[in-house]
N, C-alpha and C. Protein backbone atom coordinates (compact mmCIF):
# COMPACT_ATOMS: atom_id res chain seq x y z
N MET A 1 0.84 -1.17 0.00
CA MET A 1 0.00 0.00 0.00
C MET A 1 0.89 1.24 0.00
N SER A 2 0.34 2.30 -0.55
CA SER A 2 1.16 3.50 -0.67
C SER A 2 0.30 4.75 -0.57
N VAL A 3 1.00 5.87 -0.45
CA VAL A 3 0.39 7.19 -0.39
C VAL A 3 1.02 8.02 -1.50
N THR A 4 0.19 8.74 -2.25
CA THR A 4 0.69 9.61 -3.29
C THR A 4 0.38 11.06 -2.95
N PHE A 5 1.39 11.90 -3.01
CA PHE A 5 1.24 13.35 -2.86
C PHE A 5 1.07 13.88 -4.28
N TYR A 6 0.04 14.70 -4.51
CA TYR A 6 -0.27 15.11 -5.87
C TYR A 6 -0.95 16.48 -5.90
N PRO A 7 -0.93 17.14 -7.08
CA PRO A 7 -1.66 18.39 -7.23
C PRO A 7 -3.16 18.09 -7.33
N ALA A 8 -3.96 18.96 -6.74
CA ALA A 8 -5.41 18.78 -6.79
C ALA A 8 -6.08 20.15 -6.86
N GLN A 9 -7.33 20.14 -7.24
CA GLN A 9 -8.10 21.37 -7.28
C GLN A 9 -9.55 21.04 -6.92
N TYR A 10 -10.23 22.04 -6.38
CA TYR A 10 -11.64 21.86 -6.08
C TYR A 10 -12.46 22.05 -7.34
N VAL A 11 -13.37 21.13 -7.59
CA VAL A 11 -14.27 21.21 -8.73
C VAL A 11 -15.71 21.04 -8.23
N SER A 12 -16.64 21.53 -9.00
CA SER A 12 -18.05 21.43 -8.64
C SER A 12 -18.60 20.12 -9.16
N ASP A 13 -19.26 19.38 -8.28
CA ASP A 13 -19.89 18.12 -8.63
C ASP A 13 -21.39 18.25 -8.35
N PRO A 14 -22.26 17.91 -9.32
CA PRO A 14 -23.69 18.11 -9.11
C PRO A 14 -24.25 17.31 -7.93
N GLN A 15 -23.66 16.18 -7.64
CA GLN A 15 -24.16 15.34 -6.55
C GLN A 15 -23.53 15.69 -5.21
N TRP A 16 -22.23 15.98 -5.20
CA TRP A 16 -21.49 16.15 -3.94
C TRP A 16 -21.11 17.60 -3.63
N GLY A 17 -21.35 18.51 -4.54
CA GLY A 17 -20.95 19.89 -4.32
C GLY A 17 -19.50 20.10 -4.72
N SER A 18 -18.75 20.82 -3.90
CA SER A 18 -17.34 21.08 -4.17
C SER A 18 -16.50 19.90 -3.68
N VAL A 19 -15.75 19.28 -4.59
CA VAL A 19 -14.92 18.12 -4.23
C VAL A 19 -13.49 18.36 -4.69
N LEU A 20 -12.55 17.76 -3.97
CA LEU A 20 -11.14 17.85 -4.33
C LEU A 20 -10.84 16.79 -5.37
N ASP A 21 -10.28 17.20 -6.51
CA ASP A 21 -10.05 16.29 -7.61
C ASP A 21 -8.57 16.28 -7.99
N PHE A 22 -8.04 15.10 -8.24
CA PHE A 22 -6.68 14.91 -8.70
C PHE A 22 -6.48 15.62 -10.04
N VAL A 23 -5.34 16.28 -10.20
CA VAL A 23 -5.00 16.94 -11.47
C VAL A 23 -3.95 16.07 -12.16
N ASP A 24 -4.29 15.58 -13.34
CA ASP A 24 -3.37 14.72 -14.09
C ASP A 24 -2.30 15.59 -14.75
N VAL A 25 -1.08 15.50 -14.22
CA VAL A 25 0.04 16.29 -14.74
C VAL A 25 1.18 15.40 -15.22
N GLY A 26 0.90 14.13 -15.45
CA GLY A 26 1.94 13.20 -15.88
C GLY A 26 2.57 12.51 -14.69
N GLU A 27 3.67 11.85 -14.94
CA GLU A 27 4.31 11.03 -13.92
C GLU A 27 5.39 11.74 -13.12
N ASP A 28 5.86 12.89 -13.56
CA ASP A 28 7.02 13.52 -12.92
C ASP A 28 6.68 14.29 -11.65
N ILE A 29 5.47 14.78 -11.50
CA ILE A 29 5.13 15.65 -10.38
C ILE A 29 4.67 14.89 -9.13
N PRO A 30 3.72 13.93 -9.22
CA PRO A 30 3.28 13.24 -8.01
C PRO A 30 4.43 12.47 -7.35
N VAL A 31 4.34 12.35 -6.02
CA VAL A 31 5.37 11.65 -5.24
C VAL A 31 4.70 10.50 -4.51
N ASN A 32 5.11 9.27 -4.81
CA ASN A 32 4.51 8.09 -4.22
C ASN A 32 5.44 7.49 -3.17
N LEU A 33 4.89 7.19 -1.98
CA LEU A 33 5.67 6.63 -0.88
C LEU A 33 4.94 5.45 -0.27
N ALA A 34 5.69 4.50 0.24
CA ALA A 34 5.09 3.43 1.03
C ALA A 34 4.45 4.04 2.27
N ASN A 35 3.40 3.41 2.79
CA ASN A 35 2.67 3.96 3.94
C ASN A 35 3.58 4.34 5.10
N ALA A 36 4.49 3.44 5.48
CA ALA A 36 5.37 3.73 6.62
C ALA A 36 6.26 4.94 6.34
N ASN A 37 6.74 5.06 5.11
CA ASN A 37 7.57 6.21 4.76
C ASN A 37 6.74 7.49 4.68
N ALA A 38 5.51 7.40 4.18
CA ALA A 38 4.62 8.56 4.14
C ALA A 38 4.31 9.05 5.55
N LEU A 39 4.10 8.13 6.46
CA LEU A 39 3.85 8.50 7.86
C LEU A 39 5.05 9.27 8.41
N ARG A 40 6.23 8.79 8.14
CA ARG A 40 7.46 9.45 8.62
C ARG A 40 7.63 10.84 7.99
N VAL A 41 7.33 10.95 6.71
CA VAL A 41 7.44 12.24 6.02
C VAL A 41 6.42 13.23 6.59
N LEU A 42 5.17 12.78 6.75
CA LEU A 42 4.14 13.67 7.30
C LEU A 42 4.50 14.14 8.70
N GLU A 43 5.03 13.25 9.52
CA GLU A 43 5.45 13.66 10.86
C GLU A 43 6.60 14.66 10.79
N THR A 44 7.54 14.45 9.86
CA THR A 44 8.65 15.38 9.68
C THR A 44 8.15 16.76 9.26
N LEU A 45 7.07 16.78 8.48
CA LEU A 45 6.50 18.04 8.01
C LEU A 45 5.57 18.69 9.04
N GLY A 46 5.41 18.04 10.18
CA GLY A 46 4.50 18.58 11.19
C GLY A 46 3.04 18.39 10.84
N LEU A 47 2.75 17.37 10.04
CA LEU A 47 1.39 17.05 9.63
C LEU A 47 1.04 15.62 10.03
N PRO A 48 1.14 15.29 11.33
CA PRO A 48 0.92 13.90 11.72
C PRO A 48 -0.53 13.49 11.47
N PRO A 49 -0.74 12.32 10.87
CA PRO A 49 -2.10 11.85 10.62
C PRO A 49 -2.75 11.34 11.91
N THR A 50 -4.05 11.19 11.86
CA THR A 50 -4.78 10.60 12.98
C THR A 50 -4.60 9.10 12.93
N CYS A 51 -4.11 8.53 14.02
CA CYS A 51 -3.86 7.08 14.07
C CYS A 51 -4.58 6.46 15.26
N ASP A 52 -4.96 5.19 15.09
CA ASP A 52 -5.45 4.40 16.21
C ASP A 52 -4.57 3.16 16.30
N GLU A 53 -4.98 2.17 17.05
CA GLU A 53 -4.15 0.98 17.22
C GLU A 53 -4.04 0.14 15.96
N GLN A 54 -4.97 0.32 15.04
CA GLN A 54 -5.01 -0.50 13.83
C GLN A 54 -4.41 0.16 12.60
N SER A 55 -4.59 1.46 12.47
CA SER A 55 -4.16 2.11 11.24
C SER A 55 -4.03 3.62 11.42
N CYS A 56 -3.52 4.25 10.37
CA CYS A 56 -3.41 5.71 10.32
C CYS A 56 -4.18 6.22 9.11
N ASP A 57 -4.80 7.39 9.27
CA ASP A 57 -5.53 8.02 8.18
C ASP A 57 -4.54 8.87 7.39
N LEU A 58 -3.99 8.32 6.33
CA LEU A 58 -2.95 8.98 5.54
C LEU A 58 -3.57 9.72 4.36
N VAL A 59 -4.54 10.58 4.66
CA VAL A 59 -5.24 11.36 3.66
C VAL A 59 -5.28 12.80 4.14
N GLY A 60 -5.00 13.75 3.25
CA GLY A 60 -5.06 15.15 3.66
C GLY A 60 -4.82 16.09 2.51
N GLU A 61 -4.81 17.36 2.85
CA GLU A 61 -4.56 18.41 1.87
C GLU A 61 -3.93 19.59 2.59
N SER A 62 -3.25 20.43 1.81
CA SER A 62 -2.62 21.60 2.38
C SER A 62 -2.56 22.71 1.34
N ASP A 63 -2.64 23.93 1.83
CA ASP A 63 -2.35 25.09 1.00
C ASP A 63 -0.93 24.90 0.46
N PRO A 64 -0.70 25.12 -0.83
CA PRO A 64 0.63 24.83 -1.38
C PRO A 64 1.75 25.69 -0.80
N SER A 65 1.47 26.96 -0.48
CA SER A 65 2.52 27.81 0.10
C SER A 65 2.89 27.34 1.50
N ALA A 66 1.89 26.95 2.28
CA ALA A 66 2.15 26.43 3.62
C ALA A 66 2.92 25.11 3.55
N PHE A 67 2.54 24.26 2.60
CA PHE A 67 3.22 22.97 2.43
C PHE A 67 4.67 23.20 2.02
N LEU A 68 4.89 24.13 1.09
CA LEU A 68 6.26 24.44 0.66
C LEU A 68 7.08 24.95 1.84
N GLY A 69 6.50 25.79 2.67
CA GLY A 69 7.20 26.28 3.85
C GLY A 69 7.59 25.16 4.79
N ARG A 70 6.68 24.20 4.98
CA ARG A 70 6.98 23.05 5.84
C ARG A 70 8.12 22.21 5.27
N VAL A 71 8.10 22.03 3.94
CA VAL A 71 9.15 21.24 3.29
C VAL A 71 10.50 21.94 3.44
N LEU A 72 10.54 23.24 3.19
CA LEU A 72 11.80 23.98 3.30
C LEU A 72 12.33 23.97 4.74
N LEU A 73 11.43 24.09 5.70
CA LEU A 73 11.83 24.03 7.10
C LEU A 73 12.38 22.64 7.44
N ALA A 74 11.70 21.61 6.98
CA ALA A 74 12.17 20.24 7.24
C ALA A 74 13.53 19.99 6.60
N GLN A 75 13.74 20.53 5.40
CA GLN A 75 15.03 20.36 4.74
C GLN A 75 16.15 21.00 5.56
N GLY A 76 15.84 22.12 6.19
CA GLY A 76 16.85 22.81 6.98
C GLY A 76 17.11 22.18 8.34
N LEU A 77 16.09 21.51 8.89
CA LEU A 77 16.21 20.99 10.25
C LEU A 77 16.42 19.49 10.35
N ALA A 78 15.95 18.74 9.37
CA ALA A 78 16.01 17.27 9.46
C ALA A 78 17.46 16.79 9.37
N PRO A 79 17.85 15.92 10.29
CA PRO A 79 19.20 15.35 10.19
C PRO A 79 19.28 14.43 8.97
N TYR A 80 20.51 14.15 8.55
CA TYR A 80 20.71 13.25 7.41
C TYR A 80 20.06 11.92 7.72
N ASP A 81 19.29 11.40 6.80
CA ASP A 81 18.55 10.15 6.98
C ASP A 81 19.49 8.97 6.75
N GLU A 82 19.72 8.21 7.79
CA GLU A 82 20.60 7.05 7.68
C GLU A 82 19.85 5.87 7.08
N GLU A 83 20.59 4.93 6.56
CA GLU A 83 20.02 3.74 5.96
C GLU A 83 19.25 2.92 7.00
N MET A 84 18.14 2.30 6.58
CA MET A 84 17.39 1.41 7.45
C MET A 84 17.21 0.08 6.71
N PRO A 85 17.71 -1.00 7.28
CA PRO A 85 17.56 -2.30 6.61
C PRO A 85 16.12 -2.80 6.70
N ALA A 86 15.76 -3.71 5.81
CA ALA A 86 14.45 -4.34 5.87
C ALA A 86 14.38 -5.23 7.11
N TYR A 87 13.18 -5.37 7.66
CA TYR A 87 13.00 -6.25 8.81
C TYR A 87 11.60 -6.84 8.80
N GLN A 88 11.48 -7.99 9.47
CA GLN A 88 10.19 -8.68 9.53
C GLN A 88 9.42 -8.22 10.76
N LEU A 89 8.14 -7.89 10.57
CA LEU A 89 7.30 -7.50 11.69
C LEU A 89 6.83 -8.75 12.42
N PRO A 90 6.91 -8.75 13.74
CA PRO A 90 6.47 -9.94 14.49
C PRO A 90 4.95 -10.07 14.44
N GLY A 91 4.48 -11.30 14.55
CA GLY A 91 3.04 -11.52 14.60
C GLY A 91 2.68 -12.89 14.07
N ASP A 92 1.46 -13.28 14.36
CA ASP A 92 0.94 -14.56 13.88
C ASP A 92 0.34 -14.38 12.50
N GLY A 93 0.29 -15.44 11.74
CA GLY A 93 -0.35 -15.35 10.43
C GLY A 93 0.64 -15.02 9.34
N ALA A 94 0.27 -14.09 8.48
CA ALA A 94 1.09 -13.74 7.32
C ALA A 94 2.41 -13.12 7.74
N THR A 95 3.43 -13.37 6.95
CA THR A 95 4.73 -12.76 7.18
C THR A 95 4.72 -11.37 6.56
N VAL A 96 5.03 -10.35 7.36
CA VAL A 96 5.02 -8.97 6.89
C VAL A 96 6.43 -8.40 7.02
N TRP A 97 6.93 -7.88 5.92
CA TRP A 97 8.25 -7.25 5.90
C TRP A 97 8.10 -5.75 5.76
N GLN A 98 8.86 -5.04 6.57
CA GLN A 98 8.95 -3.59 6.44
C GLN A 98 10.12 -3.31 5.51
N GLY A 99 9.87 -2.54 4.47
CA GLY A 99 10.88 -2.31 3.45
C GLY A 99 12.07 -1.50 3.92
N ALA A 100 13.15 -1.70 3.24
CA ALA A 100 14.39 -0.97 3.53
C ALA A 100 14.29 0.46 3.02
N ARG A 101 15.12 1.32 3.58
CA ARG A 101 15.21 2.70 3.13
C ARG A 101 16.69 3.04 3.00
N HIS A 102 17.07 3.56 1.83
CA HIS A 102 18.49 3.87 1.60
C HIS A 102 18.88 5.17 2.32
N ALA A 103 20.17 5.32 2.52
CA ALA A 103 20.68 6.54 3.16
C ALA A 103 20.30 7.74 2.30
N GLY A 104 19.85 8.81 2.95
CA GLY A 104 19.46 10.02 2.25
C GLY A 104 18.04 10.00 1.71
N TYR A 105 17.27 8.98 2.08
CA TYR A 105 15.91 8.82 1.56
C TYR A 105 15.04 10.05 1.87
N MET A 106 15.06 10.50 3.12
CA MET A 106 14.21 11.62 3.50
C MET A 106 14.57 12.87 2.71
N GLN A 107 15.84 13.16 2.57
CA GLN A 107 16.27 14.34 1.83
C GLN A 107 15.84 14.25 0.37
N GLU A 108 15.94 13.07 -0.21
CA GLU A 108 15.52 12.85 -1.60
C GLU A 108 14.01 13.12 -1.75
N LYS A 109 13.22 12.58 -0.85
CA LYS A 109 11.76 12.77 -0.93
C LYS A 109 11.36 14.21 -0.63
N LEU A 110 12.08 14.87 0.27
CA LEU A 110 11.78 16.28 0.54
C LEU A 110 12.06 17.14 -0.68
N ARG A 111 13.11 16.82 -1.45
CA ARG A 111 13.39 17.56 -2.68
C ARG A 111 12.25 17.37 -3.70
N LEU A 112 11.74 16.14 -3.80
CA LEU A 112 10.62 15.89 -4.71
C LEU A 112 9.36 16.61 -4.25
N LEU A 113 9.11 16.62 -2.94
CA LEU A 113 7.95 17.32 -2.41
C LEU A 113 8.08 18.84 -2.57
N GLU A 114 9.31 19.34 -2.51
CA GLU A 114 9.54 20.77 -2.76
C GLU A 114 9.14 21.12 -4.19
N ALA A 115 9.53 20.27 -5.15
CA ALA A 115 9.18 20.51 -6.55
C ALA A 115 7.67 20.44 -6.74
N LEU A 116 7.01 19.48 -6.10
CA LEU A 116 5.56 19.37 -6.17
C LEU A 116 4.90 20.62 -5.61
N ALA A 117 5.32 21.05 -4.44
CA ALA A 117 4.72 22.23 -3.80
C ALA A 117 4.95 23.48 -4.63
N ALA A 118 6.14 23.65 -5.16
CA ALA A 118 6.43 24.83 -6.00
C ALA A 118 5.56 24.82 -7.26
N PHE A 119 5.37 23.66 -7.85
CA PHE A 119 4.49 23.52 -9.00
C PHE A 119 3.06 23.91 -8.63
N CYS A 120 2.58 23.42 -7.49
CA CYS A 120 1.22 23.73 -7.05
C CYS A 120 1.05 25.22 -6.76
N VAL A 121 2.06 25.85 -6.17
CA VAL A 121 2.00 27.29 -5.92
C VAL A 121 1.87 28.02 -7.26
N ALA A 122 2.71 27.67 -8.22
CA ALA A 122 2.73 28.35 -9.51
C ALA A 122 1.42 28.16 -10.29
N GLN A 123 0.81 26.99 -10.14
CA GLN A 123 -0.39 26.67 -10.91
C GLN A 123 -1.69 26.94 -10.15
N GLY A 124 -1.59 27.27 -8.86
CA GLY A 124 -2.79 27.52 -8.07
C GLY A 124 -3.50 26.26 -7.61
N TYR A 125 -2.77 25.15 -7.52
CA TYR A 125 -3.35 23.88 -7.07
C TYR A 125 -3.14 23.70 -5.57
N VAL A 126 -3.88 22.79 -5.00
CA VAL A 126 -3.73 22.37 -3.60
C VAL A 126 -2.78 21.16 -3.61
N VAL A 127 -1.99 20.99 -2.55
CA VAL A 127 -1.21 19.76 -2.38
C VAL A 127 -2.10 18.80 -1.60
N ALA A 128 -2.33 17.61 -2.16
CA ALA A 128 -3.17 16.61 -1.48
C ALA A 128 -2.40 15.30 -1.41
N TRP A 129 -2.83 14.45 -0.49
CA TRP A 129 -2.22 13.12 -0.39
C TRP A 129 -3.29 12.11 0.01
N ALA A 130 -3.14 10.93 -0.53
CA ALA A 130 -4.06 9.83 -0.25
C ALA A 130 -3.41 8.52 -0.66
């Protein structure tokens, strides 16, 4: 499972009213992350999702200028992201592996999110994730 950060805009829907809609801008702008990595990125940006014992709600939106500010702040404050090896989550039933993360992963993703946010600011889009 994954979370994608993408440009969005509000559109009028006859049944639902104003709804947030994905803007198709090709493959270069959206940023896709595994759920665990998206959770870590959102926490780094000061946008922690609502979580319970079972799951986290990894859905949201932000004003693009505010999101860009959070990304720039995180880039300035976040320590260098060290490598994390893959590991197996304990539990009964299915075997679940938590994926590895290479050194510098957070900085790489923050650079991509900066480009996304700057694009959204320039185009007047909202930054959304789901």
